[in-house]
Amino acid sequence: MDTTAGRWSENRWQARPAHGEDRGMANFLETDRLVLRAFTVADTDHLLALDNDPEVMRFINGGRPTSRQVIETRTLPRLLHVYPYWETHGYWAAQEKTTGTFLGWFEFRPLEEHSTDVELGYRLNRAAWGRGYATEGSRALIRKGFTELEVERVTANTMAVNTRSRRVMEKSGLSFVRDFTGDWPEAIEGSEHGEVEYELTRTGWEQAR
């Protein structure tokens, strides 16, 4: 389960590494079944396993394997970044509340510096698929963004053929905005059909409550 928001493209604005305590703290939020917490280097093996499942990575890189070096030098630094506007992380490790089992991660980060638009994304392992975790975590992040943070618009995108991810967006309250052609370094199966963008504004969220 994933969105192309999780592809390793360059950040669209600068983030800085975490230093000391920040507003993100250890646990960013909890739901009935999930805990979303800050990443640590101890998550390296979890991320290595997640990114080496061909089905998990199908709509990201076509299912190609990821090396430990990439996880340590590219993936973890990205997940550990703190975004200056909120002084908090933009990526959160997801674990099952009752067992502590690592399930994957969620993304909820500003699109640009001082932006009130955020990008929603998620990458969960196959054991978590079909259990409603992606929708549960997404709804909780959206609610936190509109009630506790200064979010005005949530956006998410994925490959047009990624029907599972599109359903999660729709169940989370986002609506289809447009089709577009993404910048793929290497074409993978399905990329010829393009990508889709979904969004939810603060006004739309409040009206639907």
N, C-alpha and C. Protein backbone atom coordinates (compact mmCIF):
# COMPACT_ATOMS: atom_id res chain seq x y z
N MET A 1 0.86 -1.19 0.00
CA MET A 1 0.00 0.00 0.00
C MET A 1 0.89 1.22 0.00
N ASP A 2 0.73 2.08 -1.00
CA ASP A 2 1.63 3.21 -1.10
C ASP A 2 1.03 4.28 -1.99
N THR A 3 1.56 5.49 -1.86
CA THR A 3 1.27 6.54 -2.81
C THR A 3 2.58 6.98 -3.42
N THR A 4 2.53 7.60 -4.59
CA THR A 4 3.77 8.06 -5.19
C THR A 4 4.35 9.26 -4.47
N ALA A 5 3.62 9.76 -3.49
CA ALA A 5 4.22 10.77 -2.61
C ALA A 5 5.43 10.18 -1.91
N GLY A 6 5.48 8.86 -1.82
CA GLY A 6 6.60 8.22 -1.15
C GLY A 6 7.78 7.94 -2.04
N ARG A 7 7.72 8.23 -3.35
CA ARG A 7 8.88 8.03 -4.21
C ARG A 7 9.99 8.98 -3.80
N TRP A 8 11.22 8.57 -4.02
CA TRP A 8 12.34 9.33 -3.49
C TRP A 8 12.75 10.46 -4.42
N SER A 9 11.86 11.34 -4.70
CA SER A 9 12.19 12.56 -5.43
C SER A 9 12.76 13.56 -4.45
N GLU A 10 13.37 14.62 -4.96
CA GLU A 10 13.95 15.64 -4.11
C GLU A 10 12.85 16.39 -3.37
N ASN A 11 13.12 16.78 -2.12
CA ASN A 11 12.18 17.62 -1.39
C ASN A 11 12.00 18.93 -2.12
N ARG A 12 10.79 19.47 -2.07
CA ARG A 12 10.53 20.72 -2.76
C ARG A 12 10.86 21.94 -1.91
N TRP A 13 11.30 21.72 -0.71
CA TRP A 13 11.85 22.81 0.09
C TRP A 13 12.79 22.21 1.11
N GLN A 14 13.65 23.03 1.69
CA GLN A 14 14.72 22.54 2.53
C GLN A 14 14.20 22.08 3.88
N ALA A 15 14.71 20.95 4.35
CA ALA A 15 14.45 20.47 5.70
C ALA A 15 15.79 20.38 6.42
N ARG A 16 15.75 20.38 7.75
CA ARG A 16 16.98 20.29 8.51
C ARG A 16 16.95 19.06 9.40
N PRO A 17 18.12 18.49 9.73
CA PRO A 17 18.14 17.34 10.60
C PRO A 17 17.65 17.71 11.99
N ALA A 18 17.13 16.72 12.69
CA ALA A 18 16.63 16.97 14.05
C ALA A 18 17.79 17.20 15.00
N HIS A 19 17.64 18.17 15.89
CA HIS A 19 18.62 18.43 16.94
C HIS A 19 17.86 18.56 18.25
N GLY A 20 18.03 17.60 19.17
CA GLY A 20 17.37 17.69 20.45
C GLY A 20 15.87 17.46 20.34
N GLU A 21 15.16 18.00 21.30
CA GLU A 21 13.71 17.82 21.35
C GLU A 21 13.02 18.75 20.36
N ASP A 22 11.90 18.35 19.82
CA ASP A 22 11.09 19.20 18.97
C ASP A 22 9.64 18.87 19.21
N ARG A 23 8.77 19.59 18.54
CA ARG A 23 7.35 19.41 18.78
C ARG A 23 6.84 18.06 18.30
N GLY A 24 7.68 17.36 17.48
CA GLY A 24 7.24 16.06 17.01
C GLY A 24 7.17 15.05 18.13
N MET A 25 8.12 15.12 19.08
CA MET A 25 8.23 14.20 20.20
C MET A 25 8.30 12.77 19.68
N ALA A 26 8.23 11.80 20.59
CA ALA A 26 8.36 10.41 20.19
C ALA A 26 7.10 9.92 19.48
N ASN A 27 5.94 10.13 20.10
CA ASN A 27 4.67 9.73 19.49
C ASN A 27 3.96 10.97 18.97
N PHE A 28 3.75 11.00 17.66
CA PHE A 28 3.08 12.14 17.05
C PHE A 28 1.59 12.09 17.29
N LEU A 29 1.01 10.89 17.16
CA LEU A 29 -0.41 10.71 17.45
C LEU A 29 -0.71 9.23 17.63
N GLU A 30 -1.88 8.96 18.21
CA GLU A 30 -2.36 7.60 18.37
C GLU A 30 -3.80 7.52 17.89
N THR A 31 -4.15 6.37 17.35
CA THR A 31 -5.53 6.09 16.97
C THR A 31 -5.98 4.87 17.79
N ASP A 32 -7.13 4.33 17.48
CA ASP A 32 -7.59 3.15 18.21
C ASP A 32 -6.61 1.99 18.08
N ARG A 33 -5.98 1.87 16.90
CA ARG A 33 -5.12 0.70 16.67
C ARG A 33 -3.67 1.04 16.34
N LEU A 34 -3.36 2.32 16.11
CA LEU A 34 -2.05 2.71 15.63
C LEU A 34 -1.35 3.69 16.55
N VAL A 35 -0.03 3.64 16.51
CA VAL A 35 0.82 4.68 17.08
C VAL A 35 1.70 5.18 15.95
N LEU A 36 1.72 6.49 15.72
CA LEU A 36 2.61 7.10 14.76
C LEU A 36 3.69 7.83 15.55
N ARG A 37 4.92 7.43 15.37
CA ARG A 37 6.05 7.95 16.15
C ARG A 37 7.18 8.38 15.24
N ALA A 38 8.12 9.10 15.83
CA ALA A 38 9.29 9.53 15.08
C ALA A 38 10.18 8.32 14.77
N PHE A 39 10.86 8.38 13.64
CA PHE A 39 11.81 7.33 13.27
C PHE A 39 13.10 7.46 14.07
N THR A 40 13.82 6.34 14.20
CA THR A 40 15.17 6.32 14.76
C THR A 40 16.02 5.40 13.88
N VAL A 41 17.32 5.41 14.10
CA VAL A 41 18.22 4.54 13.32
C VAL A 41 17.92 3.07 13.60
N ALA A 42 17.27 2.79 14.72
CA ALA A 42 16.91 1.40 15.04
C ALA A 42 15.87 0.84 14.07
N ASP A 43 15.27 1.70 13.25
CA ASP A 43 14.28 1.25 12.27
C ASP A 43 14.90 0.81 10.95
N THR A 44 16.22 0.80 10.87
CA THR A 44 16.88 0.46 9.61
C THR A 44 16.44 -0.88 9.05
N ASP A 45 16.44 -1.92 9.88
CA ASP A 45 16.06 -3.25 9.39
C ASP A 45 14.60 -3.29 8.98
N HIS A 46 13.74 -2.58 9.71
CA HIS A 46 12.34 -2.51 9.33
C HIS A 46 12.18 -1.91 7.94
N LEU A 47 12.89 -0.82 7.69
CA LEU A 47 12.80 -0.14 6.40
C LEU A 47 13.39 -0.99 5.29
N LEU A 48 14.46 -1.69 5.60
CA LEU A 48 15.09 -2.56 4.60
C LEU A 48 14.12 -3.65 4.17
N ALA A 49 13.43 -4.25 5.12
CA ALA A 49 12.46 -5.29 4.79
C ALA A 49 11.29 -4.71 4.00
N LEU A 50 10.80 -3.54 4.42
CA LEU A 50 9.66 -2.91 3.75
C LEU A 50 9.99 -2.61 2.29
N ASP A 51 11.14 -2.02 2.05
CA ASP A 51 11.51 -1.59 0.70
C ASP A 51 12.07 -2.71 -0.16
N ASN A 52 12.14 -3.92 0.38
CA ASN A 52 12.58 -5.05 -0.43
C ASN A 52 11.46 -6.05 -0.68
N ASP A 53 10.24 -5.64 -0.41
CA ASP A 53 9.08 -6.43 -0.79
C ASP A 53 8.63 -5.94 -2.16
N PRO A 54 8.73 -6.78 -3.19
CA PRO A 54 8.39 -6.35 -4.55
C PRO A 54 6.97 -5.81 -4.67
N GLU A 55 6.02 -6.37 -3.91
CA GLU A 55 4.65 -5.90 -4.00
C GLU A 55 4.49 -4.52 -3.37
N VAL A 56 5.18 -4.28 -2.26
CA VAL A 56 5.14 -2.96 -1.63
C VAL A 56 5.70 -1.89 -2.56
N MET A 57 6.76 -2.25 -3.29
CA MET A 57 7.46 -1.29 -4.14
C MET A 57 6.96 -1.30 -5.58
N ARG A 58 5.93 -2.05 -5.86
CA ARG A 58 5.44 -2.19 -7.23
C ARG A 58 5.15 -0.85 -7.89
N PHE A 59 4.48 0.06 -7.20
CA PHE A 59 4.10 1.34 -7.79
C PHE A 59 5.10 2.45 -7.47
N ILE A 60 6.25 2.07 -6.90
CA ILE A 60 7.29 3.03 -6.57
C ILE A 60 8.47 2.91 -7.52
N ASN A 61 9.00 1.69 -7.64
CA ASN A 61 10.15 1.48 -8.53
C ASN A 61 10.01 0.22 -9.37
N GLY A 62 8.80 -0.30 -9.45
CA GLY A 62 8.58 -1.50 -10.22
C GLY A 62 8.92 -2.78 -9.47
N GLY A 63 9.19 -2.67 -8.18
CA GLY A 63 9.49 -3.85 -7.37
C GLY A 63 10.96 -4.19 -7.27
N ARG A 64 11.84 -3.28 -7.69
CA ARG A 64 13.27 -3.55 -7.61
C ARG A 64 13.73 -3.50 -6.16
N PRO A 65 14.79 -4.26 -5.82
CA PRO A 65 15.29 -4.28 -4.44
C PRO A 65 16.00 -2.98 -4.07
N THR A 66 16.11 -2.74 -2.78
CA THR A 66 16.78 -1.57 -2.23
C THR A 66 17.90 -2.03 -1.32
N SER A 67 19.07 -1.44 -1.45
CA SER A 67 20.22 -1.86 -0.66
C SER A 67 20.21 -1.22 0.73
N ARG A 68 20.95 -1.83 1.65
CA ARG A 68 21.09 -1.26 2.98
C ARG A 68 21.75 0.11 2.91
N GLN A 69 22.67 0.28 1.98
CA GLN A 69 23.35 1.57 1.85
C GLN A 69 22.36 2.67 1.49
N VAL A 70 21.42 2.38 0.60
CA VAL A 70 20.41 3.36 0.23
C VAL A 70 19.54 3.70 1.43
N ILE A 71 19.16 2.68 2.18
CA ILE A 71 18.35 2.92 3.38
C ILE A 71 19.09 3.82 4.35
N GLU A 72 20.36 3.55 4.58
CA GLU A 72 21.14 4.29 5.58
C GLU A 72 21.52 5.69 5.12
N THR A 73 21.78 5.87 3.83
CA THR A 73 22.29 7.16 3.37
C THR A 73 21.24 8.05 2.72
N ARG A 74 20.12 7.48 2.30
CA ARG A 74 19.10 8.28 1.64
C ARG A 74 17.75 8.22 2.35
N THR A 75 17.30 6.99 2.63
CA THR A 75 15.96 6.83 3.19
C THR A 75 15.86 7.38 4.61
N LEU A 76 16.71 6.89 5.51
CA LEU A 76 16.63 7.33 6.90
C LEU A 76 16.85 8.83 7.07
N PRO A 77 17.87 9.44 6.43
CA PRO A 77 18.01 10.89 6.57
C PRO A 77 16.76 11.65 6.16
N ARG A 78 16.09 11.18 5.12
CA ARG A 78 14.85 11.84 4.69
C ARG A 78 13.77 11.71 5.76
N LEU A 79 13.64 10.52 6.32
CA LEU A 79 12.60 10.29 7.32
C LEU A 79 12.89 10.97 8.64
N LEU A 80 14.15 11.28 8.90
CA LEU A 80 14.54 11.92 10.15
C LEU A 80 14.56 13.44 10.08
N HIS A 81 14.40 13.99 8.90
CA HIS A 81 14.39 15.45 8.75
C HIS A 81 13.28 16.10 9.56
N VAL A 82 13.58 17.29 10.03
CA VAL A 82 12.59 18.12 10.71
C VAL A 82 12.29 19.31 9.81
N TYR A 83 11.01 19.59 9.63
CA TYR A 83 10.58 20.67 8.75
C TYR A 83 10.45 21.97 9.55
N PRO A 84 11.20 23.00 9.18
CA PRO A 84 11.28 24.21 10.00
C PRO A 84 9.95 24.89 10.28
N TYR A 85 9.03 24.84 9.33
CA TYR A 85 7.78 25.59 9.51
C TYR A 85 7.02 25.13 10.74
N TRP A 86 6.98 23.80 10.96
CA TRP A 86 6.30 23.27 12.13
C TRP A 86 7.26 22.78 13.20
N GLU A 87 8.55 22.75 12.88
CA GLU A 87 9.56 22.21 13.78
C GLU A 87 9.21 20.78 14.19
N THR A 88 8.83 20.01 13.22
CA THR A 88 8.49 18.61 13.48
C THR A 88 8.81 17.80 12.23
N HIS A 89 8.76 16.49 12.39
CA HIS A 89 9.05 15.60 11.27
C HIS A 89 7.90 15.61 10.26
N GLY A 90 8.19 15.07 9.09
CA GLY A 90 7.16 14.95 8.07
C GLY A 90 6.82 13.51 7.75
N TYR A 91 7.57 12.58 8.35
CA TYR A 91 7.35 11.15 8.14
C TYR A 91 7.30 10.46 9.49
N TRP A 92 6.38 9.51 9.63
CA TRP A 92 6.12 8.89 10.92
C TRP A 92 6.05 7.38 10.80
N ALA A 93 6.82 6.69 11.64
CA ALA A 93 6.75 5.23 11.69
C ALA A 93 5.41 4.82 12.27
N ALA A 94 4.77 3.85 11.63
CA ALA A 94 3.47 3.35 12.10
C ALA A 94 3.66 1.98 12.74
N GLN A 95 3.16 1.83 13.95
CA GLN A 95 3.21 0.53 14.60
C GLN A 95 1.86 0.20 15.20
N GLU A 96 1.62 -1.09 15.31
CA GLU A 96 0.37 -1.56 15.90
C GLU A 96 0.39 -1.26 17.40
N LYS A 97 -0.67 -0.67 17.90
CA LYS A 97 -0.68 -0.21 19.29
C LYS A 97 -0.55 -1.35 20.28
N THR A 98 -1.26 -2.44 20.05
CA THR A 98 -1.29 -3.51 21.05
C THR A 98 -0.02 -4.36 21.06
N THR A 99 0.63 -4.51 19.90
CA THR A 99 1.80 -5.40 19.81
C THR A 99 3.11 -4.67 19.59
N GLY A 100 3.05 -3.41 19.14
CA GLY A 100 4.27 -2.68 18.82
C GLY A 100 4.87 -3.08 17.48
N THR A 101 4.17 -3.90 16.71
CA THR A 101 4.67 -4.36 15.42
C THR A 101 4.80 -3.21 14.44
N PHE A 102 5.95 -3.13 13.77
CA PHE A 102 6.19 -2.11 12.75
C PHE A 102 5.35 -2.42 11.52
N LEU A 103 4.57 -1.44 11.07
CA LEU A 103 3.68 -1.64 9.92
C LEU A 103 4.13 -0.88 8.68
N GLY A 104 4.92 0.17 8.84
CA GLY A 104 5.34 1.00 7.72
C GLY A 104 5.42 2.45 8.15
N TRP A 105 5.04 3.35 7.26
CA TRP A 105 5.11 4.77 7.62
C TRP A 105 4.04 5.59 6.91
N PHE A 106 3.84 6.79 7.49
CA PHE A 106 2.94 7.78 6.91
C PHE A 106 3.74 9.07 6.68
N GLU A 107 3.35 9.78 5.64
CA GLU A 107 3.93 11.09 5.31
C GLU A 107 2.86 12.16 5.50
N PHE A 108 3.27 13.27 6.11
CA PHE A 108 2.37 14.42 6.28
C PHE A 108 3.28 15.63 6.43
N ARG A 109 3.64 16.26 5.29
CA ARG A 109 4.65 17.30 5.32
C ARG A 109 4.26 18.48 4.43
N PRO A 110 4.73 19.68 4.79
CA PRO A 110 4.45 20.85 3.96
C PRO A 110 5.05 20.70 2.56
N LEU A 111 4.33 21.18 1.57
CA LEU A 111 4.83 21.11 0.20
C LEU A 111 5.97 22.09 -0.04
N GLU A 112 5.91 23.25 0.60
CA GLU A 112 6.94 24.27 0.45
C GLU A 112 7.13 24.97 1.79
N GLU A 113 8.21 25.73 1.90
CA GLU A 113 8.46 26.45 3.14
C GLU A 113 7.31 27.41 3.44
N HIS A 114 6.88 27.42 4.69
CA HIS A 114 5.78 28.25 5.17
C HIS A 114 4.46 27.92 4.49
N SER A 115 4.36 26.75 3.87
CA SER A 115 3.14 26.37 3.18
C SER A 115 2.13 25.78 4.15
N THR A 116 0.86 26.05 3.91
CA THR A 116 -0.22 25.42 4.66
C THR A 116 -0.80 24.25 3.88
N ASP A 117 -0.20 23.93 2.73
CA ASP A 117 -0.56 22.75 1.95
C ASP A 117 0.38 21.61 2.34
N VAL A 118 -0.16 20.45 2.62
CA VAL A 118 0.66 19.32 3.00
C VAL A 118 0.41 18.15 2.06
N GLU A 119 1.41 17.29 1.96
CA GLU A 119 1.30 16.09 1.15
C GLU A 119 1.10 14.89 2.07
N LEU A 120 0.08 14.11 1.78
CA LEU A 120 -0.22 12.89 2.51
C LEU A 120 0.32 11.69 1.73
N GLY A 121 0.96 10.78 2.43
CA GLY A 121 1.45 9.56 1.80
C GLY A 121 1.52 8.43 2.81
N TYR A 122 1.70 7.21 2.34
CA TYR A 122 1.79 6.06 3.24
C TYR A 122 2.47 4.92 2.52
N ARG A 123 3.21 4.14 3.29
CA ARG A 123 3.84 2.91 2.77
C ARG A 123 3.75 1.87 3.87
N LEU A 124 2.89 0.90 3.68
CA LEU A 124 2.65 -0.12 4.70
C LEU A 124 3.00 -1.51 4.16
N ASN A 125 3.45 -2.39 5.05
CA ASN A 125 3.82 -3.72 4.62
C ASN A 125 2.57 -4.55 4.31
N ARG A 126 2.79 -5.64 3.61
CA ARG A 126 1.65 -6.42 3.13
C ARG A 126 0.78 -6.99 4.25
N ALA A 127 1.39 -7.26 5.41
CA ALA A 127 0.62 -7.79 6.53
C ALA A 127 -0.43 -6.80 7.01
N ALA A 128 -0.22 -5.52 6.70
CA ALA A 128 -1.16 -4.48 7.14
C ALA A 128 -2.22 -4.17 6.10
N TRP A 129 -2.09 -4.72 4.91
CA TRP A 129 -3.04 -4.41 3.84
C TRP A 129 -4.41 -5.04 4.13
N GLY A 130 -5.45 -4.34 3.70
CA GLY A 130 -6.79 -4.87 3.83
C GLY A 130 -7.37 -4.80 5.22
N ARG A 131 -6.70 -4.11 6.13
CA ARG A 131 -7.17 -4.04 7.52
C ARG A 131 -7.59 -2.62 7.92
N GLY A 132 -7.58 -1.72 6.95
CA GLY A 132 -8.04 -0.37 7.22
C GLY A 132 -7.04 0.54 7.89
N TYR A 133 -5.78 0.08 8.04
CA TYR A 133 -4.78 0.89 8.72
C TYR A 133 -4.44 2.17 7.94
N ALA A 134 -4.33 2.06 6.64
CA ALA A 134 -3.95 3.22 5.83
C ALA A 134 -5.01 4.32 5.95
N THR A 135 -6.28 3.93 5.91
CA THR A 135 -7.35 4.91 6.05
C THR A 135 -7.39 5.47 7.46
N GLU A 136 -7.23 4.62 8.46
CA GLU A 136 -7.26 5.06 9.86
C GLU A 136 -6.15 6.08 10.14
N GLY A 137 -4.94 5.78 9.69
CA GLY A 137 -3.84 6.71 9.91
C GLY A 137 -4.00 7.99 9.13
N SER A 138 -4.48 7.88 7.90
CA SER A 138 -4.66 9.07 7.08
C SER A 138 -5.71 10.00 7.66
N ARG A 139 -6.82 9.45 8.10
CA ARG A 139 -7.87 10.28 8.69
C ARG A 139 -7.38 10.98 9.95
N ALA A 140 -6.60 10.27 10.75
CA ALA A 140 -6.08 10.87 11.99
C ALA A 140 -5.12 12.00 11.68
N LEU A 141 -4.26 11.83 10.69
CA LEU A 141 -3.34 12.90 10.31
C LEU A 141 -4.08 14.10 9.77
N ILE A 142 -5.08 13.85 8.95
CA ILE A 142 -5.88 14.95 8.40
C ILE A 142 -6.58 15.72 9.52
N ARG A 143 -7.17 15.00 10.44
CA ARG A 143 -7.84 15.65 11.56
C ARG A 143 -6.86 16.48 12.39
N LYS A 144 -5.70 15.94 12.66
CA LYS A 144 -4.68 16.68 13.42
C LYS A 144 -4.23 17.91 12.65
N GLY A 145 -4.07 17.75 11.35
CA GLY A 145 -3.64 18.88 10.53
C GLY A 145 -4.62 20.04 10.55
N PHE A 146 -5.91 19.73 10.47
CA PHE A 146 -6.92 20.78 10.41
C PHE A 146 -7.30 21.33 11.78
N THR A 147 -7.07 20.56 12.85
CA THR A 147 -7.49 21.01 14.18
C THR A 147 -6.34 21.52 15.03
N GLU A 148 -5.13 21.01 14.81
CA GLU A 148 -4.00 21.39 15.67
C GLU A 148 -2.89 22.13 14.93
N LEU A 149 -2.77 21.89 13.64
CA LEU A 149 -1.74 22.54 12.84
C LEU A 149 -2.41 23.59 11.95
N GLU A 150 -1.64 24.26 11.16
CA GLU A 150 -2.17 25.34 10.33
C GLU A 150 -2.44 24.89 8.89
N VAL A 151 -2.86 23.66 8.75
CA VAL A 151 -3.09 23.08 7.43
C VAL A 151 -4.37 23.65 6.82
N GLU A 152 -4.29 24.01 5.55
CA GLU A 152 -5.46 24.47 4.80
C GLU A 152 -5.85 23.51 3.69
N ARG A 153 -4.88 22.69 3.24
CA ARG A 153 -5.16 21.79 2.12
C ARG A 153 -4.26 20.56 2.23
N VAL A 154 -4.87 19.39 2.05
CA VAL A 154 -4.14 18.13 2.02
C VAL A 154 -4.19 17.60 0.60
N THR A 155 -3.05 17.22 0.07
CA THR A 155 -2.99 16.68 -1.28
C THR A 155 -2.28 15.33 -1.26
N ALA A 156 -2.63 14.47 -2.20
CA ALA A 156 -1.99 13.16 -2.32
C ALA A 156 -2.03 12.76 -3.78
N ASN A 157 -1.04 11.97 -4.20
CA ASN A 157 -1.04 11.50 -5.58
C ASN A 157 -0.51 10.09 -5.65
N THR A 158 -0.87 9.41 -6.71
CA THR A 158 -0.44 8.04 -6.93
C THR A 158 -0.56 7.72 -8.41
N MET A 159 -0.05 6.56 -8.81
CA MET A 159 -0.24 6.12 -10.18
C MET A 159 -1.72 5.89 -10.44
N ALA A 160 -2.17 6.19 -11.63
CA ALA A 160 -3.58 6.03 -11.97
C ALA A 160 -4.06 4.60 -11.79
N VAL A 161 -3.16 3.64 -11.97
CA VAL A 161 -3.54 2.23 -11.87
C VAL A 161 -3.48 1.69 -10.45
N ASN A 162 -3.06 2.52 -9.49
CA ASN A 162 -2.94 2.07 -8.11
C ASN A 162 -4.30 2.21 -7.41
N THR A 163 -5.17 1.27 -7.68
CA THR A 163 -6.55 1.37 -7.21
C THR A 163 -6.66 1.29 -5.69
N ARG A 164 -5.81 0.50 -5.04
CA ARG A 164 -5.87 0.40 -3.57
C ARG A 164 -5.60 1.75 -2.93
N SER A 165 -4.57 2.41 -3.40
CA SER A 165 -4.21 3.70 -2.82
C SER A 165 -5.28 4.74 -3.11
N ARG A 166 -5.86 4.70 -4.28
CA ARG A 166 -6.92 5.65 -4.62
C ARG A 166 -8.13 5.46 -3.71
N ARG A 167 -8.44 4.22 -3.36
CA ARG A 167 -9.56 3.97 -2.46
C ARG A 167 -9.30 4.54 -1.08
N VAL A 168 -8.05 4.42 -0.63
CA VAL A 168 -7.70 4.98 0.67
C VAL A 168 -7.90 6.50 0.67
N MET A 169 -7.46 7.15 -0.39
CA MET A 169 -7.64 8.60 -0.50
C MET A 169 -9.12 8.97 -0.42
N GLU A 170 -9.92 8.24 -1.16
CA GLU A 170 -11.36 8.53 -1.19
C GLU A 170 -12.01 8.27 0.17
N LYS A 171 -11.65 7.17 0.83
CA LYS A 171 -12.20 6.87 2.14
C LYS A 171 -11.73 7.87 3.20
N SER A 172 -10.58 8.50 2.94
CA SER A 172 -10.06 9.49 3.88
C SER A 172 -10.66 10.87 3.66
N GLY A 173 -11.50 11.00 2.64
CA GLY A 173 -12.20 12.26 2.39
C GLY A 173 -11.65 13.09 1.26
N LEU A 174 -10.59 12.64 0.61
CA LEU A 174 -10.02 13.39 -0.50
C LEU A 174 -10.82 13.16 -1.78
N SER A 175 -10.82 14.15 -2.65
CA SER A 175 -11.54 14.07 -3.92
C SER A 175 -10.57 14.20 -5.09
N PHE A 176 -10.91 13.55 -6.17
CA PHE A 176 -10.08 13.59 -7.38
C PHE A 176 -9.98 15.02 -7.91
N VAL A 177 -8.75 15.41 -8.29
CA VAL A 177 -8.51 16.74 -8.84
C VAL A 177 -8.13 16.68 -10.31
N ARG A 178 -7.17 15.83 -10.66
CA ARG A 178 -6.67 15.85 -12.03
C ARG A 178 -5.84 14.61 -12.32
N ASP A 179 -5.72 14.35 -13.62
CA ASP A 179 -4.73 13.41 -14.14
C ASP A 179 -3.50 14.21 -14.55
N PHE A 180 -2.32 13.62 -14.41
CA PHE A 180 -1.12 14.30 -14.88
C PHE A 180 -0.05 13.26 -15.19
N THR A 181 0.98 13.70 -15.87
CA THR A 181 2.11 12.83 -16.21
C THR A 181 3.29 13.18 -15.32
N GLY A 182 3.72 12.24 -14.50
CA GLY A 182 4.82 12.48 -13.59
C GLY A 182 6.17 12.34 -14.27
N ASP A 183 7.20 12.78 -13.56
CA ASP A 183 8.57 12.70 -14.06
C ASP A 183 9.21 11.42 -13.53
N TRP A 184 9.09 10.34 -14.29
CA TRP A 184 9.63 9.05 -13.87
C TRP A 184 11.04 8.87 -14.42
N PRO A 185 12.05 8.70 -13.56
CA PRO A 185 13.41 8.45 -14.05
C PRO A 185 13.48 7.22 -14.94
N GLU A 186 12.73 6.18 -14.55
CA GLU A 186 12.63 4.97 -15.35
C GLU A 186 11.17 4.53 -15.38
N ALA A 187 10.67 4.27 -16.55
CA ALA A 187 9.28 3.84 -16.68
C ALA A 187 9.11 2.47 -16.04
N ILE A 188 7.97 2.27 -15.36
CA ILE A 188 7.63 0.98 -14.80
C ILE A 188 6.25 0.61 -15.30
N GLU A 189 5.87 -0.64 -15.09
CA GLU A 189 4.57 -1.10 -15.57
C GLU A 189 3.45 -0.25 -14.99
N GLY A 190 2.63 0.31 -15.84
CA GLY A 190 1.51 1.13 -15.41
C GLY A 190 1.77 2.62 -15.48
N SER A 191 3.06 3.02 -15.54
CA SER A 191 3.35 4.46 -15.55
C SER A 191 2.90 5.13 -16.83
N GLU A 192 2.67 4.34 -17.88
CA GLU A 192 2.20 4.92 -19.14
C GLU A 192 0.78 5.48 -19.00
N HIS A 193 0.07 5.09 -17.95
CA HIS A 193 -1.28 5.59 -17.72
C HIS A 193 -1.30 6.89 -16.91
N GLY A 194 -0.13 7.33 -16.49
CA GLY A 194 -0.04 8.60 -15.78
C GLY A 194 -0.34 8.48 -14.29
N GLU A 195 -0.54 9.63 -13.68
CA GLU A 195 -0.79 9.71 -12.24
C GLU A 195 -2.05 10.53 -11.98
N VAL A 196 -2.50 10.47 -10.74
CA VAL A 196 -3.69 11.21 -10.33
C VAL A 196 -3.41 11.98 -9.05
N GLU A 197 -4.07 13.12 -8.92
CA GLU A 197 -3.96 13.92 -7.71
C GLU A 197 -5.32 14.03 -7.04
N TYR A 198 -5.32 13.92 -5.71
CA TYR A 198 -6.52 14.08 -4.90
C TYR A 198 -6.26 15.19 -3.88
N GLU A 199 -7.32 15.78 -3.35
CA GLU A 199 -7.13 16.83 -2.36
C GLU A 199 -8.33 16.92 -1.42
N LEU A 200 -8.08 17.55 -0.27
CA LEU A 200 -9.13 17.88 0.69
C LEU A 200 -8.76 19.21 1.32
N THR A 201 -9.65 20.18 1.25
CA THR A 201 -9.41 21.49 1.84
C THR A 201 -10.01 21.54 3.25
N ARG A 202 -9.56 22.50 4.03
CA ARG A 202 -10.11 22.68 5.37
C ARG A 202 -11.62 22.91 5.30
N THR A 203 -12.04 23.76 4.36
CA THR A 203 -13.47 24.04 4.21
C THR A 203 -14.25 22.76 3.89
N GLY A 204 -13.73 21.97 2.97
CA GLY A 204 -14.39 20.73 2.60
C GLY A 204 -14.47 19.76 3.76
N TRP A 205 -13.39 19.68 4.55
CA TRP A 205 -13.36 18.79 5.70
C TRP A 205 -14.38 19.23 6.75
N GLU A 206 -14.44 20.51 7.01
CA GLU A 206 -15.38 21.03 8.01
C GLU A 206 -16.82 20.82 7.58
N GLN A 207 -17.10 20.99 6.30
CA GLN A 207 -18.46 20.82 5.81
C GLN A 207 -18.91 19.36 5.87
N ALA A 208 -17.95 18.44 5.78
CA ALA A 208 -18.29 17.02 5.78
C ALA A 208 -18.43 16.43 7.17
N ARG A 209 -18.04 17.18 8.19
CA ARG A 209 -18.09 16.67 9.57
C ARG A 209 -19.52 16.51 10.07
